[in-house]
Amino acid sequence: MAGSFYFRCTSVAFNSRAKDDVVYVGPMGCLTGMYIIMTGSYTVEDMRSLTIECLKWILTQTEVPATRPEACGNYLLHDLPMCKWESARYLDRLQNDFHSEYAKLKITLDDGKVFADA
């Protein structure tokens, strides 16, 4: 999973029309996702469009760049067939079943403590 997220984010960073606005791309410490920090102002639709563009690019690739020990400390985590499978699945959802809002969670316990997401 980490390899595919890395590949997706680096494709935004180096192969998209927004590449000049990319400040940082990197994995979350738990390897369940990536951070991408960009300059400028991007709407949800802008980011959706960029992601679609990058996913389509990934589906044309024959290798994951920098999949060598000297280039990436996590090079063994890269799995191009799985990345393509995940990318195709994600692309389908972005094109056919896209949701950018979600119901916010708020739970009040019996003792009055409240837990809520951001």
PDB file of N, CA and C in Angstrom:
ATOM      1  N   MET A   1       0.827  -1.185   0.000  1.00  0.00           N
ATOM      2  CA  MET A   1       0.000   0.000   0.000  1.00  0.00           C
ATOM      3  C   MET A   1       0.873   1.251   0.000  1.00  0.00           C
ATOM      4  N   ALA A   2       1.921   1.255   0.808  1.00  0.00           N
ATOM      5  CA  ALA A   2       2.753   2.453   0.893  1.00  0.00           C
ATOM      6  C   ALA A   2       3.361   2.794  -0.451  1.00  0.00           C
ATOM      7  N   GLY A   3       3.785   1.778  -1.187  1.00  0.00           N
ATOM      8  CA  GLY A   3       4.385   2.022  -2.492  1.00  0.00           C
ATOM      9  C   GLY A   3       3.428   2.687  -3.447  1.00  0.00           C
ATOM     10  N   SER A   4       2.179   2.274  -3.418  1.00  0.00           N
ATOM     11  CA  SER A   4       1.219   2.867  -4.351  1.00  0.00           C
ATOM     12  C   SER A   4       0.899   4.306  -3.976  1.00  0.00           C
ATOM     13  N   PHE A   5       0.796   4.604  -2.692  1.00  0.00           N
ATOM     14  CA  PHE A   5       0.566   5.987  -2.278  1.00  0.00           C
ATOM     15  C   PHE A   5       1.744   6.859  -2.679  1.00  0.00           C
ATOM     16  N   TYR A   6       2.949   6.345  -2.459  1.00  0.00           N
ATOM     17  CA  TYR A   6       4.156   7.084  -2.833  1.00  0.00           C
ATOM     18  C   TYR A   6       4.132   7.382  -4.327  1.00  0.00           C
ATOM     19  N   PHE A   7       3.824   6.356  -5.099  1.00  0.00           N
ATOM     20  CA  PHE A   7       3.823   6.490  -6.548  1.00  0.00           C
ATOM     21  C   PHE A   7       2.785   7.517  -6.992  1.00  0.00           C
ATOM     22  N   ARG A   8       1.607   7.464  -6.380  1.00  0.00           N
ATOM     23  CA  ARG A   8       0.558   8.429  -6.735  1.00  0.00           C
ATOM     24  C   ARG A   8       0.995   9.848  -6.420  1.00  0.00           C
ATOM     25  N   CYS A   9       1.518  10.049  -5.234  1.00  0.00           N
ATOM     26  CA  CYS A   9       1.896  11.409  -4.828  1.00  0.00           C
ATOM     27  C   CYS A   9       3.084  11.929  -5.618  1.00  0.00           C
ATOM     28  N   THR A  10       4.045  11.063  -5.894  1.00  0.00           N
ATOM     29  CA  THR A  10       5.174  11.552  -6.684  1.00  0.00           C
ATOM     30  C   THR A  10       4.747  11.846  -8.110  1.00  0.00           C
ATOM     31  N   SER A  11       3.731  11.146  -8.592  1.00  0.00           N
ATOM     32  CA  SER A  11       3.260  11.465  -9.941  1.00  0.00           C
ATOM     33  C   SER A  11       2.641  12.862  -9.959  1.00  0.00           C
ATOM     34  N   VAL A  12       1.957  13.244  -8.885  1.00  0.00           N
ATOM     35  CA  VAL A  12       1.453  14.623  -8.776  1.00  0.00           C
ATOM     36  C   VAL A  12       2.634  15.584  -8.731  1.00  0.00           C
ATOM     37  N   ALA A  13       3.644  15.223  -7.942  1.00  0.00           N
ATOM     38  CA  ALA A  13       4.777  16.115  -7.729  1.00  0.00           C
ATOM     39  C   ALA A  13       5.611  16.344  -8.981  1.00  0.00           C
ATOM     40  N   PHE A  14       5.761  15.318  -9.790  1.00  0.00           N
ATOM     41  CA  PHE A  14       6.709  15.440 -10.893  1.00  0.00           C
ATOM     42  C   PHE A  14       6.100  15.344 -12.289  1.00  0.00           C
ATOM     43  N   ASN A  15       4.853  14.943 -12.396  1.00  0.00           N
ATOM     44  CA  ASN A  15       4.296  14.701 -13.722  1.00  0.00           C
ATOM     45  C   ASN A  15       2.969  15.384 -13.978  1.00  0.00           C
ATOM     46  N   SER A  16       2.585  16.307 -13.152  1.00  0.00           N
ATOM     47  CA  SER A  16       1.279  16.933 -13.350  1.00  0.00           C
ATOM     48  C   SER A  16       1.434  18.397 -13.739  1.00  0.00           C
ATOM     49  N   ARG A  17       0.321  18.966 -14.152  1.00  0.00           N
ATOM     50  CA  ARG A  17       0.332  20.384 -14.492  1.00  0.00           C
ATOM     51  C   ARG A  17       0.553  21.259 -13.260  1.00  0.00           C
ATOM     52  N   ALA A  18       0.434  20.698 -12.058  1.00  0.00           N
ATOM     53  CA  ALA A  18       0.621  21.458 -10.819  1.00  0.00           C
ATOM     54  C   ALA A  18       1.996  21.234 -10.200  1.00  0.00           C
ATOM     55  N   LYS A  19       2.891  20.591 -10.921  1.00  0.00           N
ATOM     56  CA  LYS A  19       4.175  20.207 -10.326  1.00  0.00           C
ATOM     57  C   LYS A  19       4.978  21.388  -9.768  1.00  0.00           C
ATOM     58  N   ASP A  20       4.840  22.566 -10.339  1.00  0.00           N
ATOM     59  CA  ASP A  20       5.594  23.718  -9.837  1.00  0.00           C
ATOM     60  C   ASP A  20       5.071  24.226  -8.496  1.00  0.00           C
ATOM     61  N   ASP A  21       3.877  23.805  -8.104  1.00  0.00           N
ATOM     62  CA  ASP A  21       3.293  24.227  -6.833  1.00  0.00           C
ATOM     63  C   ASP A  21       3.559  23.238  -5.691  1.00  0.00           C
ATOM     64  N   VAL A  22       4.176  22.105  -5.996  1.00  0.00           N
ATOM     65  CA  VAL A  22       4.423  21.086  -4.969  1.00  0.00           C
ATOM     66  C   VAL A  22       5.596  21.508  -4.096  1.00  0.00           C
ATOM     67  N   VAL A  23       5.348  21.551  -2.783  1.00  0.00           N
ATOM     68  CA  VAL A  23       6.385  21.900  -1.817  1.00  0.00           C
ATOM     69  C   VAL A  23       6.961  20.633  -1.196  1.00  0.00           C
ATOM     70  N   TYR A  24       6.099  19.686  -0.868  1.00  0.00           N
ATOM     71  CA  TYR A  24       6.537  18.470  -0.166  1.00  0.00           C
ATOM     72  C   TYR A  24       5.600  17.317  -0.494  1.00  0.00           C
ATOM     73  N   VAL A  25       6.186  16.147  -0.670  1.00  0.00           N
ATOM     74  CA  VAL A  25       5.436  14.900  -0.798  1.00  0.00           C
ATOM     75  C   VAL A  25       6.135  13.895   0.101  1.00  0.00           C
ATOM     76  N   GLY A  26       5.373  13.233   0.959  1.00  0.00           N
ATOM     77  CA  GLY A  26       5.989  12.246   1.830  1.00  0.00           C
ATOM     78  C   GLY A  26       4.962  11.370   2.505  1.00  0.00           C
ATOM     79  N   PRO A  27       5.417  10.196   2.972  1.00  0.00           N
ATOM     80  CA  PRO A  27       4.494   9.249   3.598  1.00  0.00           C
ATOM     81  C   PRO A  27       4.163   9.634   5.033  1.00  0.00           C
ATOM     82  N   MET A  28       2.978   9.213   5.449  1.00  0.00           N
ATOM     83  CA  MET A  28       2.638   9.293   6.873  1.00  0.00           C
ATOM     84  C   MET A  28       3.519   8.265   7.585  1.00  0.00           C
ATOM     85  N   GLY A  29       3.827   8.518   8.813  1.00  0.00           N
ATOM     86  CA  GLY A  29       4.689   7.610   9.554  1.00  0.00           C
ATOM     87  C   GLY A  29       4.163   6.187   9.616  1.00  0.00           C
ATOM     88  N   CYS A  30       2.868   6.027   9.621  1.00  0.00           N
ATOM     89  CA  CYS A  30       2.259   4.699   9.707  1.00  0.00           C
ATOM     90  C   CYS A  30       2.133   4.037   8.338  1.00  0.00           C
ATOM     91  N   LEU A  31       2.546   4.718   7.292  1.00  0.00           N
ATOM     92  CA  LEU A  31       2.500   4.232   5.916  1.00  0.00           C
ATOM     93  C   LEU A  31       1.098   3.910   5.413  1.00  0.00           C
ATOM     94  N   THR A  32       0.093   4.584   5.948  1.00  0.00           N
ATOM     95  CA  THR A  32      -1.269   4.361   5.480  1.00  0.00           C
ATOM     96  C   THR A  32      -1.732   5.459   4.521  1.00  0.00           C
ATOM     97  N   GLY A  33      -0.891   6.403   4.259  1.00  0.00           N
ATOM     98  CA  GLY A  33      -1.252   7.498   3.365  1.00  0.00           C
ATOM     99  C   GLY A  33      -0.076   8.415   3.141  1.00  0.00           C
ATOM    100  N   MET A  34      -0.331   9.500   2.455  1.00  0.00           N
ATOM    101  CA  MET A  34       0.724  10.445   2.110  1.00  0.00           C
ATOM    102  C   MET A  34       0.275  11.861   2.434  1.00  0.00           C
ATOM    103  N   TYR A  35       1.266  12.702   2.638  1.00  0.00           N
ATOM    104  CA  TYR A  35       1.023  14.140   2.744  1.00  0.00           C
ATOM    105  C   TYR A  35       1.485  14.767   1.437  1.00  0.00           C
ATOM    106  N   ILE A  36       0.734  15.724   0.971  1.00  0.00           N
ATOM    107  CA  ILE A  36       1.190  16.537  -0.152  1.00  0.00           C
ATOM    108  C   ILE A  36       0.878  17.982   0.221  1.00  0.00           C
ATOM    109  N   ILE A  37       1.916  18.797   0.215  1.00  0.00           N
ATOM    110  CA  ILE A  37       1.775  20.213   0.557  1.00  0.00           C
ATOM    111  C   ILE A  37       2.077  21.007  -0.703  1.00  0.00           C
ATOM    112  N   MET A  38       1.140  21.892  -1.034  1.00  0.00           N
ATOM    113  CA  MET A  38       1.278  22.666  -2.259  1.00  0.00           C
ATOM    114  C   MET A  38       1.033  24.138  -1.985  1.00  0.00           C
ATOM    115  N   THR A  39       1.641  24.986  -2.797  1.00  0.00           N
ATOM    116  CA  THR A  39       1.353  26.418  -2.739  1.00  0.00           C
ATOM    117  C   THR A  39       0.142  26.687  -3.616  1.00  0.00           C
ATOM    118  N   GLY A  40      -0.396  27.857  -3.500  1.00  0.00           N
ATOM    119  CA  GLY A  40      -1.538  28.214  -4.332  1.00  0.00           C
ATOM    120  C   GLY A  40      -2.841  27.833  -3.666  1.00  0.00           C
ATOM    121  N   SER A  41      -3.873  27.926  -4.433  1.00  0.00           N
ATOM    122  CA  SER A  41      -5.206  27.645  -3.922  1.00  0.00           C
ATOM    123  C   SER A  41      -5.853  26.596  -4.815  1.00  0.00           C
ATOM    124  N   TYR A  42      -6.116  25.425  -4.261  1.00  0.00           N
ATOM    125  CA  TYR A  42      -6.706  24.326  -5.013  1.00  0.00           C
ATOM    126  C   TYR A  42      -8.035  23.944  -4.386  1.00  0.00           C
ATOM    127  N   THR A  43      -9.034  23.819  -5.214  1.00  0.00           N
ATOM    128  CA  THR A  43     -10.340  23.387  -4.737  1.00  0.00           C
ATOM    129  C   THR A  43     -10.363  21.859  -4.676  1.00  0.00           C
ATOM    130  N   VAL A  44     -11.402  21.328  -4.077  1.00  0.00           N
ATOM    131  CA  VAL A  44     -11.588  19.878  -4.059  1.00  0.00           C
ATOM    132  C   VAL A  44     -11.630  19.356  -5.495  1.00  0.00           C
ATOM    133  N   GLU A  45     -12.323  20.050  -6.367  1.00  0.00           N
ATOM    134  CA  GLU A  45     -12.420  19.614  -7.764  1.00  0.00           C
ATOM    135  C   GLU A  45     -11.063  19.677  -8.459  1.00  0.00           C
ATOM    136  N   ASP A  46     -10.247  20.683  -8.147  1.00  0.00           N
ATOM    137  CA  ASP A  46      -8.890  20.759  -8.699  1.00  0.00           C
ATOM    138  C   ASP A  46      -8.082  19.530  -8.305  1.00  0.00           C
ATOM    139  N   MET A  47      -8.145  19.190  -7.026  1.00  0.00           N
ATOM    140  CA  MET A  47      -7.370  18.047  -6.527  1.00  0.00           C
ATOM    141  C   MET A  47      -7.913  16.734  -7.093  1.00  0.00           C
ATOM    142  N   ARG A  48      -9.216  16.647  -7.242  1.00  0.00           N
ATOM    143  CA  ARG A  48      -9.820  15.462  -7.851  1.00  0.00           C
ATOM    144  C   ARG A  48      -9.316  15.317  -9.289  1.00  0.00           C
ATOM    145  N   SER A  49      -9.317  16.404 -10.034  1.00  0.00           N
ATOM    146  CA  SER A  49      -8.852  16.383 -11.417  1.00  0.00           C
ATOM    147  C   SER A  49      -7.380  15.997 -11.517  1.00  0.00           C
ATOM    148  N   LEU A  50      -6.546  16.574 -10.646  1.00  0.00           N
ATOM    149  CA  LEU A  50      -5.126  16.217 -10.622  1.00  0.00           C
ATOM    150  C   LEU A  50      -4.932  14.743 -10.296  1.00  0.00           C
ATOM    151  N   THR A  51      -5.691  14.255  -9.338  1.00  0.00           N
ATOM    152  CA  THR A  51      -5.565  12.852  -8.945  1.00  0.00           C
ATOM    153  C   THR A  51      -5.974  11.938 -10.090  1.00  0.00           C
ATOM    154  N   ILE A  52      -7.053  12.271 -10.778  1.00  0.00           N
ATOM    155  CA  ILE A  52      -7.484  11.479 -11.935  1.00  0.00           C
ATOM    156  C   ILE A  52      -6.388  11.461 -13.000  1.00  0.00           C
ATOM    157  N   GLU A  53      -5.821  12.627 -13.264  1.00  0.00           N
ATOM    158  CA  GLU A  53      -4.735  12.737 -14.245  1.00  0.00           C
ATOM    159  C   GLU A  53      -3.562  11.826 -13.860  1.00  0.00           C
ATOM    160  N   CYS A  54      -3.197  11.861 -12.595  1.00  0.00           N
ATOM    161  CA  CYS A  54      -2.057  11.066 -12.131  1.00  0.00           C
ATOM    162  C   CYS A  54      -2.363   9.572 -12.131  1.00  0.00           C
ATOM    163  N   LEU A  55      -3.573   9.199 -11.758  1.00  0.00           N
ATOM    164  CA  LEU A  55      -3.942   7.781 -11.768  1.00  0.00           C
ATOM    165  C   LEU A  55      -3.904   7.228 -13.189  1.00  0.00           C
ATOM    166  N   LYS A  56      -4.375   8.002 -14.137  1.00  0.00           N
ATOM    167  CA  LYS A  56      -4.314   7.564 -15.535  1.00  0.00           C
ATOM    168  C   LYS A  56      -2.870   7.386 -15.980  1.00  0.00           C
ATOM    169  N   TRP A  57      -1.992   8.297 -15.554  1.00  0.00           N
ATOM    170  CA  TRP A  57      -0.567   8.188 -15.880  1.00  0.00           C
ATOM    171  C   TRP A  57       0.018   6.922 -15.276  1.00  0.00           C
ATOM    172  N   ILE A  58      -0.294   6.646 -14.018  1.00  0.00           N
ATOM    173  CA  ILE A  58       0.230   5.454 -13.349  1.00  0.00           C
ATOM    174  C   ILE A  58      -0.149   4.194 -14.120  1.00  0.00           C
ATOM    175  N   LEU A  59      -1.357   4.131 -14.627  1.00  0.00           N
ATOM    176  CA  LEU A  59      -1.825   2.934 -15.339  1.00  0.00           C
ATOM    177  C   LEU A  59      -1.050   2.671 -16.624  1.00  0.00           C
ATOM    178  N   THR A  60      -0.281   3.649 -17.102  1.00  0.00           N
ATOM    179  CA  THR A  60       0.527   3.464 -18.317  1.00  0.00           C
ATOM    180  C   THR A  60       1.968   3.078 -18.014  1.00  0.00           C
ATOM    181  N   GLN A  61       2.346   3.068 -16.756  1.00  0.00           N
ATOM    182  CA  GLN A  61       3.754   2.862 -16.393  1.00  0.00           C
ATOM    183  C   GLN A  61       4.159   1.388 -16.427  1.00  0.00           C
ATOM    184  N   THR A  62       5.440   1.160 -16.687  1.00  0.00           N
ATOM    185  CA  THR A  62       5.984  -0.196 -16.721  1.00  0.00           C
ATOM    186  C   THR A  62       6.937  -0.477 -15.564  1.00  0.00           C
ATOM    187  N   GLU A  63       7.275   0.560 -14.803  1.00  0.00           N
ATOM    188  CA  GLU A  63       8.122   0.382 -13.619  1.00  0.00           C
ATOM    189  C   GLU A  63       7.870   1.520 -12.638  1.00  0.00           C
ATOM    190  N   VAL A  64       8.195   1.284 -11.383  1.00  0.00           N
ATOM    191  CA  VAL A  64       8.117   2.324 -10.361  1.00  0.00           C
ATOM    192  C   VAL A  64       9.481   3.002 -10.323  1.00  0.00           C
ATOM    193  N   PRO A  65       9.545   4.314 -10.532  1.00  0.00           N
ATOM    194  CA  PRO A  65      10.837   5.006 -10.500  1.00  0.00           C
ATOM    195  C   PRO A  65      11.537   4.852  -9.148  1.00  0.00           C
ATOM    196  N   ALA A  66      12.834   4.784  -9.185  1.00  0.00           N
ATOM    197  CA  ALA A  66      13.682   4.761  -7.981  1.00  0.00           C
ATOM    198  C   ALA A  66      13.449   3.541  -7.100  1.00  0.00           C
ATOM    199  N   THR A  67      13.105   2.405  -7.692  1.00  0.00           N
ATOM    200  CA  THR A  67      12.896   1.190  -6.907  1.00  0.00           C
ATOM    201  C   THR A  67      14.235   0.448  -6.794  1.00  0.00           C
ATOM    202  N   ARG A  68      15.164   1.100  -6.109  1.00  0.00           N
ATOM    203  CA  ARG A  68      16.505   0.560  -5.882  1.00  0.00           C
ATOM    204  C   ARG A  68      16.919   0.924  -4.459  1.00  0.00           C
ATOM    205  N   PRO A  69      17.702   0.090  -3.814  1.00  0.00           N
ATOM    206  CA  PRO A  69      18.085   0.388  -2.423  1.00  0.00           C
ATOM    207  C   PRO A  69      18.814   1.719  -2.262  1.00  0.00           C
ATOM    208  N   GLU A  70      19.601   2.113  -3.242  1.00  0.00           N
ATOM    209  CA  GLU A  70      20.338   3.378  -3.121  1.00  0.00           C
ATOM    210  C   GLU A  70      19.451   4.602  -3.328  1.00  0.00           C
ATOM    211  N   ALA A  71      18.254   4.414  -3.889  1.00  0.00           N
ATOM    212  CA  ALA A  71      17.363   5.535  -4.145  1.00  0.00           C
ATOM    213  C   ALA A  71      16.213   5.642  -3.154  1.00  0.00           C
ATOM    214  N   CYS A  72      15.857   4.512  -2.527  1.00  0.00           N
ATOM    215  CA  CYS A  72      14.690   4.528  -1.641  1.00  0.00           C
ATOM    216  C   CYS A  72      14.852   3.489  -0.547  1.00  0.00           C
ATOM    217  N   GLY A  73      14.823   3.930   0.683  1.00  0.00           N
ATOM    218  CA  GLY A  73      14.958   3.022   1.817  1.00  0.00           C
ATOM    219  C   GLY A  73      13.815   2.030   1.927  1.00  0.00           C
ATOM    220  N   ASN A  74      12.688   2.347   1.328  1.00  0.00           N
ATOM    221  CA  ASN A  74      11.532   1.448   1.353  1.00  0.00           C
ATOM    222  C   ASN A  74      11.267   0.832  -0.022  1.00  0.00           C
ATOM    223  N   TYR A  75      12.306   0.632  -0.804  1.00  0.00           N
ATOM    224  CA  TYR A  75      12.113   0.180  -2.182  1.00  0.00           C
ATOM    225  C   TYR A  75      11.414  -1.174  -2.264  1.00  0.00           C
ATOM    226  N   LEU A  76      11.525  -2.006  -1.252  1.00  0.00           N
ATOM    227  CA  LEU A  76      10.870  -3.322  -1.275  1.00  0.00           C
ATOM    228  C   LEU A  76       9.349  -3.216  -1.114  1.00  0.00           C
ATOM    229  N   LEU A  77       8.856  -2.062  -0.674  1.00  0.00           N
ATOM    230  CA  LEU A  77       7.418  -1.884  -0.506  1.00  0.00           C
ATOM    231  C   LEU A  77       6.703  -1.563  -1.815  1.00  0.00           C
ATOM    232  N   HIS A  78       7.454  -1.258  -2.864  1.00  0.00           N
ATOM    233  CA  HIS A  78       6.846  -0.881  -4.139  1.00  0.00           C
ATOM    234  C   HIS A  78       6.380  -2.122  -4.892  1.00  0.00           C
ATOM    235  N   ASP A  79       5.140  -2.099  -5.341  1.00  0.00           N
ATOM    236  CA  ASP A  79       4.516  -3.240  -6.005  1.00  0.00           C
ATOM    237  C   ASP A  79       3.673  -2.686  -7.148  1.00  0.00           C
ATOM    238  N   LEU A  80       4.231  -2.618  -8.348  1.00  0.00           N
ATOM    239  CA  LEU A  80       3.543  -1.980  -9.467  1.00  0.00           C
ATOM    240  C   LEU A  80       2.218  -2.658  -9.827  1.00  0.00           C
ATOM    241  N   PRO A  81       2.137  -3.985  -9.896  1.00  0.00           N
ATOM    242  CA  PRO A  81       0.827  -4.577 -10.214  1.00  0.00           C
ATOM    243  C   PRO A  81      -0.254  -4.206  -9.185  1.00  0.00           C
ATOM    244  N   MET A  82       0.076  -4.213  -7.909  1.00  0.00           N
ATOM    245  CA  MET A  82      -0.909  -3.844  -6.889  1.00  0.00           C
ATOM    246  C   MET A  82      -1.224  -2.356  -6.965  1.00  0.00           C
ATOM    247  N   CYS A  83      -0.214  -1.555  -7.237  1.00  0.00           N
ATOM    248  CA  CYS A  83      -0.437  -0.116  -7.386  1.00  0.00           C
ATOM    249  C   CYS A  83      -1.399   0.159  -8.534  1.00  0.00           C
ATOM    250  N   LYS A  84      -1.212  -0.544  -9.640  1.00  0.00           N
ATOM    251  CA  LYS A  84      -2.110  -0.349 -10.779  1.00  0.00           C
ATOM    252  C   LYS A  84      -3.525  -0.800 -10.432  1.00  0.00           C
ATOM    253  N   TRP A  85      -3.638  -1.906  -9.712  1.00  0.00           N
ATOM    254  CA  TRP A  85      -4.958  -2.386  -9.306  1.00  0.00           C
ATOM    255  C   TRP A  85      -5.646  -1.359  -8.408  1.00  0.00           C
ATOM    256  N   GLU A  86      -4.918  -0.866  -7.385  1.00  0.00           N
ATOM    257  CA  GLU A  86      -5.483   0.133  -6.483  1.00  0.00           C
ATOM    258  C   GLU A  86      -5.796   1.433  -7.223  1.00  0.00           C
ATOM    259  N   SER A  87      -4.926   1.811  -8.136  1.00  0.00           N
ATOM    260  CA  SER A  87      -5.128   3.049  -8.888  1.00  0.00           C
ATOM    261  C   SER A  87      -6.366   2.954  -9.775  1.00  0.00           C
ATOM    262  N   ALA A  88      -6.563   1.811 -10.436  1.00  0.00           N
ATOM    263  CA  ALA A  88      -7.749   1.629 -11.281  1.00  0.00           C
ATOM    264  C   ALA A  88      -9.019   1.668 -10.437  1.00  0.00           C
ATOM    265  N   ARG A  89      -8.969   1.049  -9.272  1.00  0.00           N
ATOM    266  CA  ARG A  89     -10.122   1.040  -8.365  1.00  0.00           C
ATOM    267  C   ARG A  89     -10.441   2.460  -7.883  1.00  0.00           C
ATOM    268  N   TYR A  90      -9.401   3.192  -7.484  1.00  0.00           N
ATOM    269  CA  TYR A  90      -9.563   4.563  -7.006  1.00  0.00           C
ATOM    270  C   TYR A  90     -10.053   5.463  -8.142  1.00  0.00           C
ATOM    271  N   LEU A  91      -9.502   5.285  -9.339  1.00  0.00           N
ATOM    272  CA  LEU A  91      -9.913   6.068 -10.495  1.00  0.00           C
ATOM    273  C   LEU A  91     -11.406   5.874 -10.773  1.00  0.00           C
ATOM    274  N   ASP A  92     -11.858   4.639 -10.718  1.00  0.00           N
ATOM    275  CA  ASP A  92     -13.278   4.359 -10.937  1.00  0.00           C
ATOM    276  C   ASP A  92     -14.147   5.103  -9.918  1.00  0.00           C
ATOM    277  N   ARG A  93     -13.725   5.089  -8.676  1.00  0.00           N
ATOM    278  CA  ARG A  93     -14.506   5.778  -7.637  1.00  0.00           C
ATOM    279  C   ARG A  93     -14.496   7.289  -7.837  1.00  0.00           C
ATOM    280  N   LEU A  94     -13.348   7.846  -8.194  1.00  0.00           N
ATOM    281  CA  LEU A  94     -13.280   9.291  -8.419  1.00  0.00           C
ATOM    282  C   LEU A  94     -14.138   9.721  -9.603  1.00  0.00           C
ATOM    283  N   GLN A  95     -14.228   8.873 -10.608  1.00  0.00           N
ATOM    284  CA  GLN A  95     -14.989   9.220 -11.802  1.00  0.00           C
ATOM    285  C   GLN A  95     -16.479   8.902 -11.671  1.00  0.00           C
ATOM    286  N   ASN A  96     -16.825   7.880 -10.888  1.00  0.00           N
ATOM    287  CA  ASN A  96     -18.203   7.399 -10.887  1.00  0.00           C
ATOM    288  C   ASN A  96     -18.929   7.449  -9.552  1.00  0.00           C
ATOM    289  N   ASP A  97     -18.203   7.637  -8.474  1.00  0.00           N
ATOM    290  CA  ASP A  97     -18.849   7.620  -7.156  1.00  0.00           C
ATOM    291  C   ASP A  97     -18.105   8.548  -6.200  1.00  0.00           C
ATOM    292  N   PHE A  98     -17.899   9.794  -6.621  1.00  0.00           N
ATOM    293  CA  PHE A  98     -17.078  10.732  -5.854  1.00  0.00           C
ATOM    294  C   PHE A  98     -17.887  11.435  -4.772  1.00  0.00           C
ATOM    295  N   HIS A  99     -17.333  11.449  -3.574  1.00  0.00           N
ATOM    296  CA  HIS A  99     -17.910  12.172  -2.444  1.00  0.00           C
ATOM    297  C   HIS A  99     -16.774  12.929  -1.758  1.00  0.00           C
ATOM    298  N   SER A 100     -16.959  14.206  -1.536  1.00  0.00           N
ATOM    299  CA  SER A 100     -15.908  14.970  -0.867  1.00  0.00           C
ATOM    300  C   SER A 100     -16.328  15.457   0.513  1.00  0.00           C
ATOM    301  N   GLU A 101     -17.513  15.135   0.912  1.00  0.00           N
ATOM    302  CA  GLU A 101     -17.992  15.511   2.238  1.00  0.00           C
ATOM    303  C   GLU A 101     -18.371  14.249   2.987  1.00  0.00           C
ATOM    304  N   TYR A 102     -18.281  14.311   4.274  1.00  0.00           N
ATOM    305  CA  TYR A 102     -18.679  13.169   5.089  1.00  0.00           C
ATOM    306  C   TYR A 102     -19.340  13.675   6.354  1.00  0.00           C
ATOM    307  N   ALA A 103     -20.124  12.825   6.932  1.00  0.00           N
ATOM    308  CA  ALA A 103     -20.781  13.194   8.189  1.00  0.00           C
ATOM    309  C   ALA A 103     -19.734  13.221   9.296  1.00  0.00           C
ATOM    310  N   LYS A 104     -19.679  14.303  10.016  1.00  0.00           N
ATOM    311  CA  LYS A 104     -18.705  14.409  11.099  1.00  0.00           C
ATOM    312  C   LYS A 104     -19.170  13.598  12.306  1.00  0.00           C
ATOM    313  N   LEU A 105     -18.205  12.968  12.914  1.00  0.00           N
ATOM    314  CA  LEU A 105     -18.475  12.112  14.062  1.00  0.00           C
ATOM    315  C   LEU A 105     -18.468  12.930  15.350  1.00  0.00           C
ATOM    316  N   LYS A 106     -19.458  12.718  16.172  1.00  0.00           N
ATOM    317  CA  LYS A 106     -19.483  13.340  17.490  1.00  0.00           C
ATOM    318  C   LYS A 106     -20.163  12.355  18.432  1.00  0.00           C
ATOM    319  N   ILE A 107     -19.420  11.955  19.444  1.00  0.00           N
ATOM    320  CA  ILE A 107     -19.924  10.991  20.418  1.00  0.00           C
ATOM    321  C   ILE A 107     -19.821  11.599  21.810  1.00  0.00           C
ATOM    322  N   THR A 108     -20.894  11.541  22.564  1.00  0.00           N
ATOM    323  CA  THR A 108     -20.890  11.979  23.961  1.00  0.00           C
ATOM    324  C   THR A 108     -21.041  10.742  24.835  1.00  0.00           C
ATOM    325  N   LEU A 109     -20.067  10.533  25.696  1.00  0.00           N
ATOM    326  CA  LEU A 109     -20.088   9.380  26.589  1.00  0.00           C
ATOM    327  C   LEU A 109     -20.997   9.639  27.782  1.00  0.00           C
ATOM    328  N   ASP A 110     -21.316   8.583  28.510  1.00  0.00           N
ATOM    329  CA  ASP A 110     -22.184   8.701  29.690  1.00  0.00           C
ATOM    330  C   ASP A 110     -21.648   9.673  30.725  1.00  0.00           C
ATOM    331  N   ASP A 111     -20.306   9.781  30.787  1.00  0.00           N
ATOM    332  CA  ASP A 111     -19.700  10.682  31.777  1.00  0.00           C
ATOM    333  C   ASP A 111     -19.606  12.117  31.274  1.00  0.00           C
ATOM    334  N   GLY A 112     -20.153  12.396  30.088  1.00  0.00           N
ATOM    335  CA  GLY A 112     -20.172  13.757  29.547  1.00  0.00           C
ATOM    336  C   GLY A 112     -19.006  14.107  28.637  1.00  0.00           C
ATOM    337  N   LYS A 113     -17.989  13.238  28.535  1.00  0.00           N
ATOM    338  CA  LYS A 113     -16.869  13.523  27.644  1.00  0.00           C
ATOM    339  C   LYS A 113     -17.349  13.445  26.195  1.00  0.00           C
ATOM    340  N   VAL A 114     -16.842  14.378  25.386  1.00  0.00           N
ATOM    341  CA  VAL A 114     -17.240  14.444  23.982  1.00  0.00           C
ATOM    342  C   VAL A 114     -16.038  14.163  23.095  1.00  0.00           C
ATOM    343  N   PHE A 115     -16.215  13.286  22.160  1.00  0.00           N
ATOM    344  CA  PHE A 115     -15.182  12.994  21.172  1.00  0.00           C
ATOM    345  C   PHE A 115     -15.735  13.370  19.800  1.00  0.00           C
ATOM    346  N   ALA A 116     -14.947  14.143  19.044  1.00  0.00           N
ATOM    347  CA  ALA A 116     -15.398  14.575  17.715  1.00  0.00           C
ATOM    348  C   ALA A 116     -14.196  14.626  16.784  1.00  0.00           C
ATOM    349  N   ASP A 117     -14.463  14.361  15.513  1.00  0.00           N
ATOM    350  CA  ASP A 117     -13.380  14.503  14.540  1.00  0.00           C
ATOM    351  C   ASP A 117     -13.266  15.962  14.122  1.00  0.00           C
ATOM    352  N   ALA A 118     -12.215  16.252  13.394  1.00  0.00           N
ATOM    353  CA  ALA A 118     -12.002  17.620  12.940  1.00  0.00           C
ATOM    354  C   ALA A 118     -12.948  17.902  11.844  1.00  0.00           C
TER     355      ALA A 118
END
